[in-house]
N, C-alpha and C. Protein backbone atom coordinates (compact mmCIF):
# COMPACT_ATOMS: atom_id res chain seq x y z
N MET A 1 0.86 -1.17 0.00
CA MET A 1 0.00 0.00 0.00
C MET A 1 0.90 1.23 0.00
N CYS A 2 0.57 2.23 -0.81
CA CYS A 2 1.36 3.46 -0.88
C CYS A 2 0.59 4.61 -0.28
N ASN A 3 1.30 5.48 0.41
CA ASN A 3 0.66 6.70 0.88
C ASN A 3 0.94 7.81 -0.13
N GLY A 4 0.51 9.00 0.14
CA GLY A 4 0.63 10.10 -0.80
C GLY A 4 2.06 10.45 -1.17
N ALA A 5 3.02 10.11 -0.33
CA ALA A 5 4.41 10.45 -0.61
C ALA A 5 5.11 9.38 -1.44
N GLY A 6 4.38 8.35 -1.84
CA GLY A 6 4.99 7.29 -2.62
C GLY A 6 5.80 6.32 -1.78
N VAL A 7 5.60 6.33 -0.48
CA VAL A 7 6.32 5.44 0.42
C VAL A 7 5.46 4.20 0.64
N VAL A 8 6.06 3.04 0.52
CA VAL A 8 5.33 1.80 0.74
C VAL A 8 5.12 1.64 2.24
N THR A 9 3.87 1.47 2.65
CA THR A 9 3.55 1.22 4.05
C THR A 9 3.59 -0.28 4.29
N PRO A 10 4.44 -0.75 5.18
CA PRO A 10 4.57 -2.19 5.37
C PRO A 10 3.33 -2.80 6.00
N HIS A 11 3.06 -4.00 5.62
CA HIS A 11 1.98 -4.77 6.23
C HIS A 11 2.59 -5.58 7.38
N PRO A 12 1.95 -5.61 8.55
CA PRO A 12 2.53 -6.29 9.70
C PRO A 12 2.84 -7.77 9.48
N GLY A 13 2.21 -8.44 8.51
CA GLY A 13 2.47 -9.86 8.28
C GLY A 13 3.65 -10.13 7.36
N THR A 14 4.23 -9.10 6.78
CA THR A 14 5.33 -9.28 5.84
C THR A 14 6.57 -9.77 6.58
N ARG A 15 7.31 -10.68 5.98
CA ARG A 15 8.49 -11.26 6.62
C ARG A 15 9.79 -10.69 6.08
N GLU A 16 9.76 -9.99 4.94
CA GLU A 16 10.98 -9.42 4.38
C GLU A 16 10.68 -8.07 3.75
N TYR A 17 11.55 -7.12 4.06
CA TYR A 17 11.42 -5.77 3.51
C TYR A 17 12.72 -5.42 2.82
N ARG A 18 12.63 -4.86 1.60
CA ARG A 18 13.82 -4.44 0.85
C ARG A 18 13.58 -3.04 0.31
N ASN A 19 14.59 -2.19 0.50
CA ASN A 19 14.56 -0.84 -0.09
C ASN A 19 13.27 -0.09 0.24
N GLN A 20 12.84 -0.17 1.49
CA GLN A 20 11.61 0.50 1.91
C GLN A 20 11.87 1.37 3.12
N LEU A 21 11.01 2.34 3.30
CA LEU A 21 10.95 3.09 4.54
C LEU A 21 9.96 2.33 5.42
N VAL A 22 10.42 1.90 6.59
CA VAL A 22 9.59 1.09 7.48
C VAL A 22 9.48 1.80 8.82
N ARG A 23 8.27 2.08 9.22
CA ARG A 23 8.02 2.69 10.53
C ARG A 23 7.78 1.58 11.55
N ILE A 24 8.56 1.59 12.61
CA ILE A 24 8.40 0.57 13.65
C ILE A 24 6.96 0.55 14.16
N ALA A 25 6.35 1.70 14.29
CA ALA A 25 4.97 1.77 14.79
C ALA A 25 4.01 0.98 13.90
N ASP A 26 4.27 0.91 12.59
CA ASP A 26 3.39 0.16 11.69
C ASP A 26 3.48 -1.34 11.94
N LEU A 27 4.60 -1.80 12.50
CA LEU A 27 4.80 -3.23 12.72
C LEU A 27 4.39 -3.69 14.12
N THR A 28 4.04 -2.73 14.97
CA THR A 28 3.75 -3.09 16.37
C THR A 28 2.35 -2.65 16.79
N VAL A 29 1.44 -2.68 15.86
CA VAL A 29 0.06 -2.28 16.16
C VAL A 29 -0.60 -3.26 17.12
N LEU A 30 -0.36 -4.57 16.91
CA LEU A 30 -1.02 -5.59 17.71
C LEU A 30 -0.12 -6.29 18.71
N GLU A 31 1.19 -6.16 18.56
CA GLU A 31 2.13 -6.89 19.41
C GLU A 31 3.37 -6.05 19.65
N ASP A 32 4.01 -6.23 20.80
CA ASP A 32 5.21 -5.46 21.16
C ASP A 32 6.50 -6.14 20.73
N VAL A 33 6.40 -7.29 20.06
CA VAL A 33 7.58 -8.03 19.62
C VAL A 33 7.51 -8.23 18.11
N ILE A 34 8.61 -7.93 17.43
CA ILE A 34 8.74 -8.19 16.00
C ILE A 34 9.53 -9.49 15.88
N ARG A 35 8.97 -10.47 15.15
CA ARG A 35 9.60 -11.80 15.04
C ARG A 35 9.80 -12.21 13.59
N ASP A 36 10.90 -12.90 13.35
CA ASP A 36 11.13 -13.58 12.07
C ASP A 36 11.00 -12.66 10.87
N VAL A 37 11.72 -11.54 10.92
CA VAL A 37 11.65 -10.55 9.85
C VAL A 37 13.07 -10.19 9.41
N ARG A 38 13.22 -9.93 8.10
CA ARG A 38 14.50 -9.48 7.54
C ARG A 38 14.29 -8.13 6.87
N PHE A 39 15.18 -7.19 7.18
CA PHE A 39 15.17 -5.86 6.57
C PHE A 39 16.47 -5.71 5.79
N GLU A 40 16.38 -5.37 4.52
CA GLU A 40 17.59 -5.18 3.72
C GLU A 40 17.52 -3.84 2.99
N SER A 41 18.54 -3.02 3.21
CA SER A 41 18.65 -1.70 2.57
C SER A 41 17.41 -0.85 2.81
N CYS A 42 16.91 -0.89 4.03
CA CYS A 42 15.71 -0.14 4.40
C CYS A 42 16.10 1.06 5.27
N VAL A 43 15.19 2.01 5.35
CA VAL A 43 15.27 3.09 6.33
C VAL A 43 14.26 2.72 7.40
N ILE A 44 14.73 2.48 8.61
CA ILE A 44 13.89 2.08 9.74
C ILE A 44 13.68 3.33 10.59
N VAL A 45 12.42 3.68 10.84
CA VAL A 45 12.11 4.95 11.49
C VAL A 45 11.36 4.73 12.80
N GLY A 46 11.80 5.44 13.84
CA GLY A 46 11.12 5.46 15.13
C GLY A 46 10.15 6.61 15.18
N PRO A 47 9.90 7.14 16.35
CA PRO A 47 10.68 6.89 17.56
C PRO A 47 10.40 5.50 18.12
N ALA A 48 11.48 4.86 18.57
CA ALA A 48 11.35 3.54 19.17
C ALA A 48 12.64 3.20 19.92
N VAL A 49 12.47 2.36 20.93
CA VAL A 49 13.60 1.73 21.61
C VAL A 49 13.44 0.24 21.36
N LEU A 50 14.46 -0.38 20.78
CA LEU A 50 14.42 -1.79 20.43
C LEU A 50 15.16 -2.61 21.47
N GLY A 51 14.52 -3.68 21.92
CA GLY A 51 15.15 -4.63 22.84
C GLY A 51 15.56 -5.87 22.07
N LEU A 52 16.84 -6.18 22.06
CA LEU A 52 17.36 -7.31 21.30
C LEU A 52 17.21 -8.57 22.14
N ILE A 53 16.08 -9.26 21.97
CA ILE A 53 15.75 -10.40 22.84
C ILE A 53 16.53 -11.65 22.45
N ASP A 54 16.47 -12.04 21.17
CA ASP A 54 17.12 -13.28 20.75
C ASP A 54 17.38 -13.27 19.25
N ASP A 55 18.58 -13.66 18.86
CA ASP A 55 18.97 -13.87 17.47
C ASP A 55 18.70 -12.65 16.59
N VAL A 56 19.34 -11.54 16.95
CA VAL A 56 19.18 -10.29 16.19
C VAL A 56 20.52 -9.96 15.54
N THR A 57 20.48 -9.66 14.24
CA THR A 57 21.68 -9.31 13.48
C THR A 57 21.57 -7.89 12.97
N LEU A 58 22.59 -7.09 13.22
CA LEU A 58 22.72 -5.74 12.66
C LEU A 58 24.03 -5.73 11.88
N SER A 59 23.95 -5.72 10.56
CA SER A 59 25.15 -5.80 9.74
C SER A 59 25.17 -4.67 8.72
N GLY A 60 26.22 -3.88 8.76
CA GLY A 60 26.36 -2.79 7.80
C GLY A 60 25.35 -1.68 7.98
N CYS A 61 24.83 -1.53 9.19
CA CYS A 61 23.78 -0.54 9.45
C CYS A 61 24.37 0.78 9.94
N ARG A 62 23.63 1.84 9.70
CA ARG A 62 24.01 3.18 10.15
C ARG A 62 22.90 3.70 11.07
N PHE A 63 23.32 4.34 12.15
CA PHE A 63 22.37 4.90 13.11
C PHE A 63 22.43 6.42 13.04
N ASN A 64 21.28 7.03 12.95
CA ASN A 64 21.18 8.49 12.96
C ASN A 64 21.15 8.93 14.42
N ALA A 65 22.32 8.96 15.04
CA ALA A 65 22.44 9.33 16.46
C ALA A 65 23.78 10.03 16.63
N PRO A 66 23.86 10.97 17.58
CA PRO A 66 25.12 11.70 17.78
C PRO A 66 26.25 10.84 18.35
N GLY A 67 25.94 9.65 18.83
CA GLY A 67 26.97 8.78 19.38
C GLY A 67 26.35 7.66 20.18
N PRO A 68 27.18 6.71 20.65
CA PRO A 68 26.67 5.56 21.39
C PRO A 68 25.89 5.92 22.65
N ASP A 69 26.30 6.99 23.35
CA ASP A 69 25.59 7.34 24.59
C ASP A 69 24.15 7.76 24.32
N ALA A 70 23.88 8.35 23.18
CA ALA A 70 22.51 8.73 22.83
C ALA A 70 21.72 7.54 22.32
N LEU A 71 22.40 6.59 21.73
CA LEU A 71 21.76 5.44 21.08
C LEU A 71 21.43 4.32 22.06
N LEU A 72 22.35 4.03 22.98
CA LEU A 72 22.23 2.87 23.87
C LEU A 72 21.52 3.23 25.17
N TRP A 73 20.51 2.46 25.51
CA TRP A 73 19.73 2.65 26.73
C TRP A 73 20.05 1.50 27.68
N PRO A 74 20.89 1.72 28.72
CA PRO A 74 21.22 0.64 29.65
C PRO A 74 20.00 0.20 30.45
N VAL A 75 19.84 -1.11 30.58
CA VAL A 75 18.72 -1.68 31.33
C VAL A 75 19.30 -2.62 32.39
N SER A 76 18.90 -2.41 33.62
CA SER A 76 19.34 -3.24 34.73
C SER A 76 18.66 -4.61 34.66
N ALA A 77 19.42 -5.67 34.95
CA ALA A 77 18.86 -7.02 34.94
C ALA A 77 17.80 -7.20 36.01
N SER A 78 17.86 -6.40 37.08
CA SER A 78 16.90 -6.54 38.18
C SER A 78 15.60 -5.80 37.90
N ARG A 79 15.55 -5.09 36.78
CA ARG A 79 14.37 -4.29 36.48
C ARG A 79 13.78 -4.75 35.15
N GLY A 80 12.50 -4.89 35.09
CA GLY A 80 11.84 -5.20 33.83
C GLY A 80 11.72 -3.94 33.00
N SER A 81 11.21 -4.07 31.80
CA SER A 81 11.01 -2.89 30.98
C SER A 81 9.67 -2.97 30.27
N VAL A 82 9.05 -1.83 30.12
CA VAL A 82 7.77 -1.72 29.44
C VAL A 82 7.91 -0.65 28.38
N GLY A 83 7.32 -0.88 27.23
CA GLY A 83 7.31 0.14 26.19
C GLY A 83 8.34 -0.07 25.10
N ALA A 84 9.34 -0.90 25.34
CA ALA A 84 10.33 -1.19 24.30
C ALA A 84 9.74 -2.20 23.32
N VAL A 85 10.22 -2.17 22.10
CA VAL A 85 9.81 -3.13 21.07
C VAL A 85 10.85 -4.26 21.07
N GLY A 86 10.39 -5.47 21.36
CA GLY A 86 11.29 -6.61 21.37
C GLY A 86 11.55 -7.14 19.98
N LEU A 87 12.75 -7.67 19.77
CA LEU A 87 13.12 -8.28 18.49
C LEU A 87 13.56 -9.72 18.72
N VAL A 88 12.98 -10.64 17.94
CA VAL A 88 13.34 -12.05 18.00
C VAL A 88 13.54 -12.54 16.57
N ASN A 89 14.71 -13.09 16.30
CA ASN A 89 15.04 -13.61 14.97
C ASN A 89 14.80 -12.54 13.90
N VAL A 90 15.45 -11.41 14.08
CA VAL A 90 15.30 -10.27 13.16
C VAL A 90 16.69 -9.91 12.62
N GLU A 91 16.73 -9.63 11.33
CA GLU A 91 17.98 -9.31 10.65
C GLU A 91 17.87 -7.96 9.97
N PHE A 92 18.83 -7.09 10.26
CA PHE A 92 18.95 -5.79 9.59
C PHE A 92 20.24 -5.81 8.78
N ARG A 93 20.15 -5.66 7.47
CA ARG A 93 21.33 -5.64 6.60
C ARG A 93 21.36 -4.33 5.83
N ASN A 94 22.44 -3.57 6.01
CA ASN A 94 22.65 -2.32 5.26
C ASN A 94 21.47 -1.35 5.40
N CYS A 95 20.97 -1.22 6.61
CA CYS A 95 19.83 -0.34 6.87
C CYS A 95 20.30 0.95 7.54
N GLU A 96 19.49 1.97 7.42
CA GLU A 96 19.68 3.20 8.18
C GLU A 96 18.59 3.26 9.23
N LEU A 97 18.97 3.43 10.49
CA LEU A 97 18.00 3.49 11.58
C LEU A 97 17.92 4.92 12.09
N GLN A 98 16.74 5.50 12.01
CA GLN A 98 16.52 6.89 12.40
C GLN A 98 15.61 6.95 13.62
N ARG A 99 16.01 7.75 14.61
CA ARG A 99 15.22 7.94 15.83
C ARG A 99 14.96 6.60 16.52
N ILE A 100 16.01 5.76 16.55
CA ILE A 100 15.93 4.43 17.15
C ILE A 100 16.98 4.34 18.25
N GLY A 101 16.56 3.87 19.42
CA GLY A 101 17.48 3.55 20.51
C GLY A 101 17.52 2.05 20.69
N ILE A 102 18.57 1.57 21.34
CA ILE A 102 18.74 0.14 21.58
C ILE A 102 18.82 -0.08 23.09
N ALA A 103 17.90 -0.87 23.65
CA ALA A 103 17.94 -1.24 25.06
C ALA A 103 18.97 -2.36 25.23
N VAL A 104 19.94 -2.13 26.10
CA VAL A 104 21.06 -3.06 26.26
C VAL A 104 21.23 -3.38 27.74
N PRO A 105 21.40 -4.67 28.09
CA PRO A 105 21.70 -4.99 29.49
C PRO A 105 22.95 -4.24 29.94
N GLU A 106 22.90 -3.70 31.15
CA GLU A 106 24.02 -2.89 31.67
C GLU A 106 25.37 -3.59 31.52
N GLU A 107 25.40 -4.89 31.77
CA GLU A 107 26.67 -5.60 31.72
C GLU A 107 27.22 -5.76 30.30
N GLN A 108 26.43 -5.44 29.28
CA GLN A 108 26.88 -5.55 27.89
C GLN A 108 27.09 -4.19 27.22
N ILE A 109 26.88 -3.11 27.95
CA ILE A 109 26.91 -1.78 27.34
C ILE A 109 28.28 -1.45 26.74
N GLU A 110 29.37 -1.80 27.43
CA GLU A 110 30.72 -1.51 26.90
C GLU A 110 30.99 -2.27 25.61
N GLN A 111 30.56 -3.52 25.55
CA GLN A 111 30.74 -4.32 24.33
C GLN A 111 29.99 -3.69 23.16
N PHE A 112 28.77 -3.23 23.40
CA PHE A 112 27.99 -2.57 22.35
C PHE A 112 28.68 -1.28 21.90
N ARG A 113 29.20 -0.50 22.86
CA ARG A 113 29.92 0.73 22.51
C ARG A 113 31.12 0.41 21.63
N ASP A 114 31.86 -0.62 22.01
CA ASP A 114 33.03 -1.02 21.22
C ASP A 114 32.62 -1.47 19.82
N ASP A 115 31.55 -2.26 19.73
CA ASP A 115 31.08 -2.74 18.43
C ASP A 115 30.65 -1.58 17.54
N LEU A 116 29.98 -0.60 18.12
CA LEU A 116 29.54 0.56 17.34
C LEU A 116 30.73 1.40 16.89
N GLY A 117 31.75 1.48 17.74
CA GLY A 117 32.93 2.26 17.39
C GLY A 117 33.73 1.65 16.25
N SER A 118 33.64 0.33 16.10
CA SER A 118 34.39 -0.33 15.03
C SER A 118 33.57 -0.51 13.77
N ALA A 119 32.30 -0.11 13.80
CA ALA A 119 31.44 -0.29 12.62
C ALA A 119 31.70 0.79 11.59
């Protein structure tokens, strides 16, 4: 489905997106977890905070953020979280992520910073 700007609006049941602008809000209308989806050369748009629950790949992606401290949201293991969008078996290849934060367990924050610095 296209809107007036010629942008393809993703359908929540789609399993693969290529060369599209994808709004996270369009994929989370009925559920807070995105599962079994592949994004390739897409622009992924928030606002959203993504929680990397299981088997998530970010390869060749660019984040529209001033730096890791603005992008990474540390989460304590002793505290649950509400409002984040969970990802399970999701792959991002060569995507640009705009207005997206990543919820990261506190004990992994330095590793994520290092990974982002070498990307």
